[in-house]
C-alpha cells in the first residue's frame, strides 16, 4: 500500500449523512439450525428501558452469552453499520489480500493503435495509481497511440444512482462505475475571481473539472463534489486524467478521447493490479463510511458470484445468499444496496450480532473510538453503532440501532458498556 494515499486523492471524507461515533452489538442465537443460549430473564426488557431508548434495539454479548437485550428481532434500518455486511461478504469472497485490476488493450489500425482501458470496478483508482500506470505503460514501450477509449462495460447498472442516493453534489452521492477515478469526485479550489484550480497536487486541472465547477456555480473556497450521475461525464473525467498523466510520461495521443467496448480482437497489453489490498480498502471504507467504495465491493461480489457484467440485482442476490449462508434467517434482513444509504436495507439486532461474530477476525479494520472498535451509522431518524467492547484480549460484540427522531446513541452506548463492565 502506498503510504501517501491517505488524505490525498483518497479523500476519506466524513459523510454528513452517514457518520457519527461508532458502536455495535453482540450475538448468540439460533440461525438456520445453530444453537443459542436462552436470554437472561431480564434481558428482553423486564427492567425499565434506559433514558433515550424510544424505538430501536440493542444486544450485548459477553463470553458468548447475551447479557443485555432489547427488541432483538425487530427489522430496523441500519444506516452505515450495514457496511459490515458488505465488508464481510467481500473479504470472505475475495480474501484480504485481493487486489482489483484494470486492463489495458491495444487494437491495431492502419493509422496506429487505439488504447482501451477496461475498468473492472477498482474502488481505489486514485490519481497516484493512475500515475503509476502511466509510468508502467511507458516503461513497457508505449509511446504513441491514436484514440484513448474508456470501457466501463463491466458494470451494466439498472439504475444510474445508488438506491437511497440523492441528486446532490456531495461526495456521498457519487455514482458507481466500472471505471471511475478518485471516487468519481473532483477536488477543486475556487479563487475570489472565480478562477478554478485543482486542490490536489497529484491531480492536474482537467477541462471536465472546470466545466463541473462552472456548472455547479461554486463559491470561492475548496470543494469536493461528485460528477452527478452522468455516465459520459464520468468517462470523460477518467479519460482526461489518463490522457494528462500519459502525456507527462511522453506518450503521444494523436486521436480523440472516446468510450466504447473493447473489441474482441484487441490484445491485452498491460494488466494493472492495485497497490492497495482489499483489507486496506475495507479499513478505509469503514473509517470514512465511504458509500462509493462500499457499492463497488457490493457490485464486485455480484459479478463474481453470477458472472459479469455487474448489476444491482446481482449484488442484491449475492449479498442475500451470503447472509443466508452465514445462518441469518431470511426474515431477519433485507438487502437493497451495499452502503447503508438506502432506507430499504433492514436487519435485526440479532442478525447483526451474528455478523459481528463472523467479522471478529477482521475486527481491527473497524474504527477505534473511546477504546471500542465500532462502526457508526447515521441517516435522518437513524442512529446506530455496531462493533465490539474490549476486555483485555477479548472482544465482545455490541449492537445498538435506533430508529427514532432523537439521537441518544452515545449516551446509550455508554449505558450498555457500563452494564457490560459490571458483569466483570
Protein backbone atom coordinates (compact mmCIF):
# COMPACT_ATOMS: atom_id res chain seq x y z
CA UNK A 1 0.00 0.00 0.00
CA UNK A 2 1.27 3.47 -0.78
CA UNK A 3 1.91 5.37 2.42
CA UNK A 4 0.82 8.53 0.61
CA UNK A 5 -2.67 7.51 -0.39
CA UNK A 6 -4.26 8.55 2.91
CA UNK A 7 -5.64 12.05 2.76
CA UNK A 8 -4.74 12.71 -0.85
CA UNK A 9 -6.88 11.70 -3.80
CA UNK A 10 -8.11 9.05 -1.40
CA UNK A 11 -10.32 11.68 0.18
CA UNK A 12 -11.74 9.91 3.21
CA UNK A 13 -14.44 12.49 3.67
CA UNK A 14 -16.58 12.26 6.77
CA UNK A 15 -20.09 11.91 5.41
CA UNK A 16 -22.64 14.32 6.87
CA UNK A 17 -25.49 11.82 6.42
CA UNK A 18 -23.57 8.68 7.32
CA UNK A 19 -21.25 9.36 10.21
CA UNK A 20 -21.00 9.61 13.94
CA UNK A 21 -19.48 7.71 16.85
CA UNK A 22 -19.36 4.01 16.31
CA UNK A 23 -20.74 1.00 18.06
CA UNK A 24 -22.06 -2.46 17.54
CA UNK A 25 -23.52 -5.30 19.42
CA UNK A 26 -23.47 -8.83 20.19
CA UNK A 27 -24.53 -12.31 19.50
CA UNK A 28 -25.95 -15.73 20.30
CA UNK A 29 -28.93 -17.17 18.58
CA UNK A 30 -30.24 -19.97 16.52
CA UNK A 31 -29.81 -19.01 12.92
CA UNK A 32 -30.77 -21.69 10.44
CA UNK A 33 -30.07 -24.53 12.79
CA UNK A 34 -27.34 -23.13 15.02
CA UNK A 35 -27.98 -23.26 18.75
CA UNK A 36 -28.19 -20.26 21.02
CA UNK A 37 -28.38 -19.94 24.78
CA UNK A 38 -31.59 -18.58 26.22
CA UNK A 39 -31.67 -14.88 27.01
CA UNK A 40 -31.37 -13.91 30.67
CA UNK A 41 -34.75 -13.46 32.25
CA UNK A 42 -34.43 -9.69 32.50
CA UNK A 43 -32.65 -9.17 29.18
CA UNK A 44 -35.67 -8.71 26.94
CA UNK A 45 -36.99 -5.66 28.70
CA UNK A 46 -38.23 -6.70 32.14
CA UNK A 47 -36.22 -3.82 33.53
CA UNK A 48 -37.20 -0.26 32.59
CA UNK A 49 -35.57 0.86 29.37
CA UNK A 50 -32.71 3.35 29.67
CA UNK A 51 -33.49 7.00 29.11
CA UNK A 52 -33.41 7.91 25.44
CA UNK A 53 -34.43 4.46 24.19
CA UNK A 54 -37.62 5.24 22.29
CA UNK A 55 -37.62 2.93 19.28
CA UNK A 56 -34.90 0.52 18.33
CA UNK A 57 -32.90 -2.39 19.65
CA UNK A 58 -29.69 -3.38 21.36
CA UNK A 59 -27.76 -6.53 22.16
CA UNK A 60 -24.58 -7.01 24.18
CA UNK A 61 -22.73 -10.32 24.38
CA UNK A 62 -20.01 -11.40 26.76
CA UNK A 63 -18.10 -14.66 26.64
CA UNK A 64 -20.62 -15.95 24.12
CA UNK A 65 -23.59 -15.13 26.34
CA UNK A 66 -26.10 -12.36 25.75
CA UNK A 67 -26.14 -10.17 28.85
CA UNK A 68 -28.27 -7.22 27.67
CA UNK A 69 -31.00 -7.21 25.06
CA UNK A 70 -33.99 -5.24 23.87
CA UNK A 71 -36.16 -5.86 20.81
CA UNK A 72 -33.56 -8.14 19.17
CA UNK A 73 -35.79 -9.47 16.38
CA UNK A 74 -37.18 -6.17 15.08
CA UNK A 75 -36.27 -5.30 11.48
CA UNK A 76 -34.58 -1.92 11.59
CA UNK A 77 -32.82 0.48 9.23
CA UNK A 78 -29.09 0.00 9.94
CA UNK A 79 -27.66 3.01 8.03
CA UNK A 80 -23.87 2.68 7.57
CA UNK A 81 -23.45 -0.18 10.05
CA UNK A 82 -24.69 -2.15 7.02
CA UNK A 83 -21.20 -1.74 5.57
CA UNK A 84 -20.07 -4.50 7.95
CA UNK A 85 -22.21 -6.96 5.98
CA UNK A 86 -20.72 -5.79 2.68
CA UNK A 87 -17.18 -5.84 4.09
CA UNK A 88 -17.58 -9.38 5.43
CA UNK A 89 -19.02 -10.60 2.13
CA UNK A 90 -16.16 -9.08 0.12
CA UNK A 91 -13.43 -10.32 2.47
CA UNK A 92 -14.93 -13.81 2.53
CA UNK A 93 -15.40 -13.98 -1.24
CA UNK A 94 -12.10 -12.46 -2.39
CA UNK A 95 -9.74 -12.68 0.61
CA UNK A 96 -7.99 -9.81 2.45
CA UNK A 97 -5.00 -9.80 0.05
CA UNK A 98 -7.12 -9.48 -3.10
CA UNK A 99 -6.26 -6.57 -5.38
CA UNK A 100 -8.53 -5.12 -8.04
CA UNK A 101 -7.28 -4.99 -11.60
CA UNK A 102 -7.63 -2.63 -14.56
CA UNK A 103 -6.81 -3.99 -18.02
CA UNK A 104 -5.28 -2.19 -20.99
CA UNK A 105 -5.75 -3.41 -24.57
CA UNK A 106 -4.31 -2.33 -27.91
CA UNK A 107 -6.38 -2.52 -31.08
CA UNK A 108 -4.33 -2.17 -34.27
CA UNK A 109 -5.36 0.07 -37.18
CA UNK A 110 -3.67 1.33 -40.34
CA UNK A 111 -3.24 4.68 -38.60
CA UNK A 112 -1.80 3.25 -35.39
CA UNK A 113 -3.06 1.75 -32.14
CA UNK A 114 -6.10 2.57 -30.04
CA UNK A 115 -5.61 2.05 -26.30
CA UNK A 116 -8.64 0.64 -24.50
CA UNK A 117 -8.85 1.00 -20.72
CA UNK A 118 -11.22 -1.63 -19.32
CA UNK A 119 -12.35 -0.98 -15.78
CA UNK A 120 -13.17 -3.90 -13.51
CA UNK A 121 -14.63 -1.97 -10.60
CA UNK A 122 -11.47 -0.88 -8.74
CA UNK A 123 -12.74 1.46 -5.98
CA UNK A 124 -9.24 2.86 -5.37
CA UNK A 125 -8.25 4.10 -8.83
CA UNK A 126 -6.90 7.36 -7.46
CA UNK A 127 -4.57 9.81 -9.19
CA UNK A 128 -1.48 8.22 -7.63
CA UNK A 129 -2.46 4.84 -9.06
CA UNK A 130 -3.13 6.34 -12.49
CA UNK A 131 0.30 8.00 -12.41
CA UNK A 132 1.93 4.62 -11.65
CA UNK A 133 0.00 3.06 -14.53
CA UNK A 134 1.23 5.76 -16.90
CA UNK A 135 4.83 5.07 -15.88
CA UNK A 136 4.34 1.31 -16.34
CA UNK A 137 2.82 1.74 -19.80
CA UNK A 138 5.67 4.00 -20.90
CA UNK A 139 8.25 1.59 -19.47
CA UNK A 140 6.59 -1.20 -21.44
CA UNK A 141 7.27 0.72 -24.65
CA UNK A 142 4.04 2.61 -25.25
CA UNK A 143 4.98 5.89 -26.91
CA UNK A 144 2.19 6.80 -29.32
CA UNK A 145 -1.48 5.90 -29.67
CA UNK A 146 -4.33 7.11 -31.77
CA UNK A 147 -7.58 7.05 -29.71
CA UNK A 148 -7.84 6.61 -25.95
CA UNK A 149 -11.01 4.60 -25.27
CA UNK A 150 -12.79 4.18 -21.94
CA UNK A 151 -14.53 0.83 -21.49
CA UNK A 152 -16.78 0.70 -18.43
CA UNK A 153 -18.99 -2.10 -19.74
CA UNK A 154 -18.13 -4.37 -16.80
CA UNK A 155 -20.96 -2.62 -14.92
CA UNK A 156 -24.41 -2.56 -16.51
CA UNK A 157 -26.45 -0.90 -13.80
CA UNK A 158 -30.23 -0.93 -13.98
CA UNK A 159 -30.29 2.42 -12.12
CA UNK A 160 -27.58 5.02 -12.58
CA UNK A 161 -27.90 6.22 -9.00
CA UNK A 162 -27.45 4.10 -5.90
CA UNK A 163 -30.71 3.31 -4.14
CA UNK A 164 -31.13 5.97 -1.48
CA UNK A 165 -28.75 8.46 -3.12
CA UNK A 166 -29.89 12.00 -3.79
CA UNK A 167 -29.04 14.30 -6.66
CA UNK A 168 -26.75 16.47 -4.56
CA UNK A 169 -23.14 17.27 -5.39
CA UNK A 170 -21.96 15.80 -2.08
CA UNK A 171 -19.36 13.02 -2.33
CA UNK A 172 -21.62 10.53 -0.56
CA UNK A 173 -23.99 10.62 -3.57
CA UNK A 174 -21.28 9.73 -6.12
CA UNK A 175 -22.39 7.22 -8.75
CA UNK A 176 -20.68 3.85 -9.19
CA UNK A 177 -18.86 2.95 -12.39
CA UNK A 178 -16.70 0.06 -13.56
CA UNK A 179 -14.02 2.64 -14.39
CA UNK A 180 -14.05 5.67 -12.12
CA UNK A 181 -11.14 7.73 -10.82
CA UNK A 182 -10.89 9.46 -7.46
CA UNK A 183 -14.21 8.00 -6.25
CA UNK A 184 -16.00 9.76 -9.12
CA UNK A 185 -15.39 13.08 -7.37
CA UNK A 186 -13.32 16.15 -8.18
CA UNK A 187 -11.46 18.36 -5.72
CA UNK A 188 -11.24 21.97 -6.85
CA UNK A 189 -10.30 25.31 -5.38
CA UNK A 190 -12.20 28.41 -6.49
CA UNK A 191 -10.39 31.75 -6.20
CA UNK A 192 -12.08 35.04 -5.46
CA UNK A 193 -12.07 35.91 -9.17
CA UNK A 194 -13.78 32.54 -9.89
CA UNK A 195 -10.57 31.01 -11.28
CA UNK A 196 -10.69 27.23 -10.91
CA UNK A 197 -7.68 25.22 -9.79
CA UNK A 198 -7.07 21.65 -8.72
CA UNK A 199 -6.99 21.28 -4.93
CA UNK A 200 -4.63 18.27 -5.22
CA UNK A 201 -1.01 18.43 -6.32
CA UNK A 202 -1.22 14.91 -7.77
CA UNK A 203 -4.29 15.69 -9.90
CA UNK A 204 -3.82 18.12 -12.79
CA UNK A 205 -6.57 20.60 -13.55
CA UNK A 206 -8.68 18.99 -16.25
CA UNK A 207 -11.28 20.54 -18.61
CA UNK A 208 -14.01 18.39 -17.05
CA UNK A 209 -13.15 19.85 -13.64
CA UNK A 210 -13.51 23.41 -14.90
CA UNK A 211 -16.80 22.57 -16.56
CA UNK A 212 -18.21 20.84 -13.47
CA UNK A 213 -17.20 23.69 -11.19
CA UNK A 214 -18.76 26.25 -13.52
CA UNK A 215 -21.97 24.24 -13.84
CA UNK A 216 -22.25 23.93 -10.06
CA UNK A 217 -21.70 27.65 -9.55
CA UNK A 218 -19.34 27.01 -6.66
CA UNK A 219 -18.38 29.92 -4.38
CA UNK A 220 -14.74 30.72 -3.53
CA UNK A 221 -13.08 28.03 -1.43
CA UNK A 222 -12.16 24.36 -1.67
CA UNK A 223 -14.84 21.93 -2.79
CA UNK A 224 -15.03 18.19 -3.34
CA UNK A 225 -18.08 17.31 -5.38
CA UNK A 226 -19.32 14.29 -7.26
CA UNK A 227 -19.90 14.22 -11.01
CA UNK A 228 -23.63 13.62 -10.62
CA UNK A 229 -24.97 10.53 -12.39
CA UNK A 230 -23.95 11.35 -15.97
CA UNK A 231 -22.06 8.37 -17.34
CA UNK A 232 -20.37 10.32 -20.11
CA UNK A 233 -19.08 12.96 -17.69
CA UNK A 234 -17.60 10.23 -15.50
CA UNK A 235 -15.97 8.57 -18.54
CA UNK A 236 -14.62 11.90 -19.68
CA UNK A 237 -13.09 12.51 -16.25
CA UNK A 238 -11.34 9.13 -16.26
CA UNK A 239 -10.16 9.62 -19.83
CA UNK A 240 -8.84 13.14 -19.28
CA UNK A 241 -6.90 12.06 -16.20
CA UNK A 242 -5.27 9.13 -18.00
CA UNK A 243 -4.61 11.36 -21.01
CA UNK A 244 -2.87 14.03 -18.93
CA UNK A 245 -0.74 11.61 -16.91
CA UNK A 246 0.24 9.60 -20.00
CA UNK A 247 1.33 12.84 -21.65
CA UNK A 248 3.57 13.54 -18.65
CA UNK A 249 5.34 10.26 -19.49
CA UNK A 250 5.82 11.27 -23.12
CA UNK A 251 3.01 9.12 -24.55
CA UNK A 252 1.56 10.96 -27.54
CA UNK A 253 -2.17 10.70 -28.22
CA UNK A 254 -2.89 11.77 -31.78
CA UNK A 255 -6.57 10.90 -31.94
CA UNK A 256 -9.50 11.55 -29.66
CA UNK A 257 -10.88 10.52 -26.32
CA UNK A 258 -13.97 8.33 -26.57
CA UNK A 259 -15.81 5.48 -24.89
CA UNK A 260 -16.84 2.03 -26.08
CA UNK A 261 -16.43 -1.70 -25.55
CA UNK A 262 -13.08 -3.35 -26.12
CA UNK A 263 -13.04 -5.18 -29.50
CA UNK A 264 -12.75 -8.96 -29.41
CA UNK A 265 -9.57 -8.84 -31.50
CA UNK A 266 -7.78 -6.36 -29.21
CA UNK A 267 -4.72 -7.74 -27.46
CA UNK A 268 -4.11 -7.43 -23.74
CA UNK A 269 -1.15 -5.08 -23.38
CA UNK A 270 -0.92 -4.47 -19.64
CA UNK A 271 -2.69 -5.76 -16.55
CA UNK A 272 -2.56 -3.40 -13.58
CA UNK A 273 -3.04 -4.77 -10.06
CA UNK A 274 -3.91 -2.18 -7.44
CA UNK A 275 -1.22 -1.40 -4.89
CA UNK A 276 -3.90 -1.39 -2.17
CA UNK A 277 -5.08 -4.78 -0.82
CA UNK A 278 -8.73 -5.40 -0.07
CA UNK A 279 -8.13 -5.34 3.70
CA UNK A 280 -6.97 -1.71 3.45
CA UNK A 281 -9.81 -0.85 1.08
CA UNK A 282 -12.24 -2.16 3.70
CA UNK A 283 -10.46 -0.34 6.52
CA UNK A 284 -10.80 2.96 4.67
CA UNK A 285 -14.42 2.27 3.73
CA UNK A 286 -15.34 1.63 7.37
CA UNK A 287 -13.33 4.52 8.81
CA UNK A 288 -14.71 7.14 6.46
CA UNK A 289 -18.04 5.49 5.72
CA UNK A 290 -17.36 5.73 2.00
CA UNK A 291 -20.53 4.80 0.09
CA UNK A 292 -18.78 4.63 -3.27
CA UNK A 293 -16.27 2.04 -2.06
CA UNK A 294 -19.00 0.01 -0.36
CA UNK A 295 -21.06 -0.31 -3.50
CA UNK A 296 -18.05 -1.03 -5.71
CA UNK A 297 -17.45 -4.03 -3.42
CA UNK A 298 -21.15 -4.92 -3.44
CA UNK A 299 -21.24 -4.91 -7.25
CA UNK A 300 -17.95 -6.83 -7.50
CA UNK A 301 -19.39 -9.56 -5.28
CA UNK A 302 -22.41 -9.81 -7.58
CA UNK A 303 -20.25 -10.08 -10.69
CA UNK A 304 -18.02 -12.69 -9.09
CA UNK A 305 -21.00 -14.78 -8.00
CA UNK A 306 -23.11 -14.59 -11.16
CA UNK A 307 -20.60 -13.52 -13.81
CA UNK A 308 -20.15 -10.12 -15.48
CA UNK A 309 -21.49 -7.64 -16.13
CA UNK A 310 -22.14 -6.43 -12.61
CA UNK A 311 -25.70 -5.29 -11.89
CA UNK A 312 -27.53 -4.08 -8.81
CA UNK A 313 -29.72 -7.20 -8.84
CA UNK A 314 -26.68 -9.50 -8.94
CA UNK A 315 -25.27 -7.62 -5.97
CA UNK A 316 -28.54 -7.96 -4.08
CA UNK A 317 -28.72 -11.68 -4.84
CA UNK A 318 -25.08 -12.28 -3.91
CA UNK A 319 -25.27 -10.50 -0.55
CA UNK A 320 -28.63 -12.11 0.24
CA UNK A 321 -27.21 -15.56 -0.48
CA UNK A 322 -24.08 -14.82 1.55
CA UNK A 323 -26.06 -13.72 4.61
CA UNK A 324 -28.24 -16.80 4.43
CA UNK A 325 -25.15 -19.00 4.15
CA UNK A 326 -23.89 -17.33 7.32
CA UNK A 327 -27.00 -18.52 9.13
CA UNK A 328 -29.16 -15.39 9.05
CA UNK A 329 -32.85 -16.29 8.68
CA UNK A 330 -34.43 -14.67 5.61
CA UNK A 331 -36.89 -12.75 7.78
CA UNK A 332 -34.03 -11.12 9.73
CA UNK A 333 -32.67 -8.88 6.96
CA UNK A 334 -33.44 -7.22 3.64
CA UNK A 335 -30.85 -6.16 1.03
CA UNK A 336 -31.20 -3.15 -1.27
CA UNK A 337 -27.59 -1.99 -1.76
CA UNK A 338 -24.24 -2.25 -0.04
CA UNK A 339 -23.52 1.04 1.72
CA UNK A 340 -26.48 1.58 4.05
CA UNK A 341 -27.53 4.68 2.13
CA UNK A 342 -30.91 3.16 1.26
CA UNK A 343 -33.62 3.13 3.89
CA UNK A 344 -34.86 -0.11 2.31
CA UNK A 345 -31.99 -2.07 3.86
CA UNK A 346 -33.12 -3.84 7.03
CA UNK A 347 -31.56 -6.04 9.68
CA UNK A 348 -32.38 -7.20 13.19
CA UNK A 349 -30.01 -6.62 16.09
CA UNK A 350 -29.71 -10.39 16.49
CA UNK A 351 -28.71 -10.84 12.85
CA UNK A 352 -26.17 -8.02 13.11
CA UNK A 353 -24.75 -9.66 16.21
CA UNK A 354 -24.25 -12.86 14.26
CA UNK A 355 -22.36 -10.94 11.59
CA UNK A 356 -20.14 -9.41 14.25
CA UNK A 357 -19.28 -12.90 15.47
CA UNK A 358 -18.11 -13.77 11.97
CA UNK A 359 -16.39 -10.42 11.49
CA UNK A 360 -14.26 -10.89 14.63
CA UNK A 361 -11.09 -11.94 12.68
CA UNK A 362 -11.28 -8.58 10.90
CA UNK A 363 -12.31 -6.50 13.94
CA UNK A 364 -9.20 -4.33 13.76
CA UNK A 365 -10.40 -2.97 10.43
CA UNK A 366 -13.13 -1.12 12.33
CA UNK A 367 -12.54 2.42 13.56
CA UNK A 368 -11.31 2.78 17.14
CA UNK A 369 -13.37 5.12 19.30
CA UNK A 370 -13.05 5.53 23.05
CA UNK A 371 -11.46 2.14 23.43
CA UNK A 372 -14.10 0.45 21.30
CA UNK A 373 -13.89 -0.92 17.79
CA UNK A 374 -17.15 0.23 16.26
CA UNK A 375 -18.88 1.39 13.08
CA UNK A 376 -21.45 4.15 13.28
CA UNK A 377 -24.48 4.65 11.08
CA UNK A 378 -26.49 7.81 10.59
CA UNK A 379 -29.45 8.80 8.48
CA UNK A 380 -32.27 11.14 9.37
CA UNK A 381 -34.01 9.36 12.25
CA UNK A 382 -31.47 6.51 12.25
CA UNK A 383 -28.59 6.35 14.74
CA UNK A 384 -26.63 3.13 15.11
CA UNK A 385 -23.45 1.51 16.35
CA UNK A 386 -22.07 -1.96 15.70
CA UNK A 387 -18.78 -3.36 16.91
CA UNK A 388 -17.00 -4.63 19.99
CA UNK A 389 -16.35 -3.79 23.62
CA UNK A 390 -12.81 -4.68 24.60
CA UNK A 391 -11.84 -6.55 27.76
CA UNK A 392 -8.17 -7.48 27.81
CA UNK A 393 -7.55 -9.63 24.78
CA UNK A 394 -11.23 -10.41 24.41
CA UNK A 395 -13.64 -8.61 22.11
CA UNK A 396 -17.35 -8.90 22.77
CA UNK A 397 -19.88 -7.74 20.15
CA UNK A 398 -22.41 -4.98 20.75
CA UNK A 399 -25.26 -3.70 18.56
CA UNK A 400 -27.29 -0.55 19.04
CA UNK A 401 -29.78 0.57 16.38
CA UNK A 402 -32.13 3.49 16.99
CA UNK A 403 -34.91 4.26 14.51
CA UNK A 404 -36.30 7.33 16.27
CA UNK A 405 -36.24 11.12 15.94
CA UNK A 406 -33.82 11.77 18.82
CA UNK A 407 -30.18 10.77 18.72
CA UNK A 408 -29.19 9.35 22.10
CA UNK A 409 -26.82 6.69 20.83
CA UNK A 410 -23.69 7.97 22.57
CA UNK A 411 -25.36 8.03 25.96
CA UNK A 412 -26.96 4.63 25.31
CA UNK A 413 -23.68 3.13 24.22
CA UNK A 414 -22.09 4.33 27.45
CA UNK A 415 -25.03 2.80 29.34
CA UNK A 416 -24.51 -0.54 27.59
CA UNK A 417 -20.79 -0.51 28.32
CA UNK A 418 -21.45 0.22 31.98
CA UNK A 419 -23.69 -2.85 32.13
CA UNK A 420 -21.04 -4.85 30.31
CA UNK A 421 -18.34 -3.79 32.78
CA UNK A 422 -20.48 -4.56 35.81
CA UNK A 423 -20.51 -8.23 34.87
CA UNK A 424 -16.71 -8.50 35.08
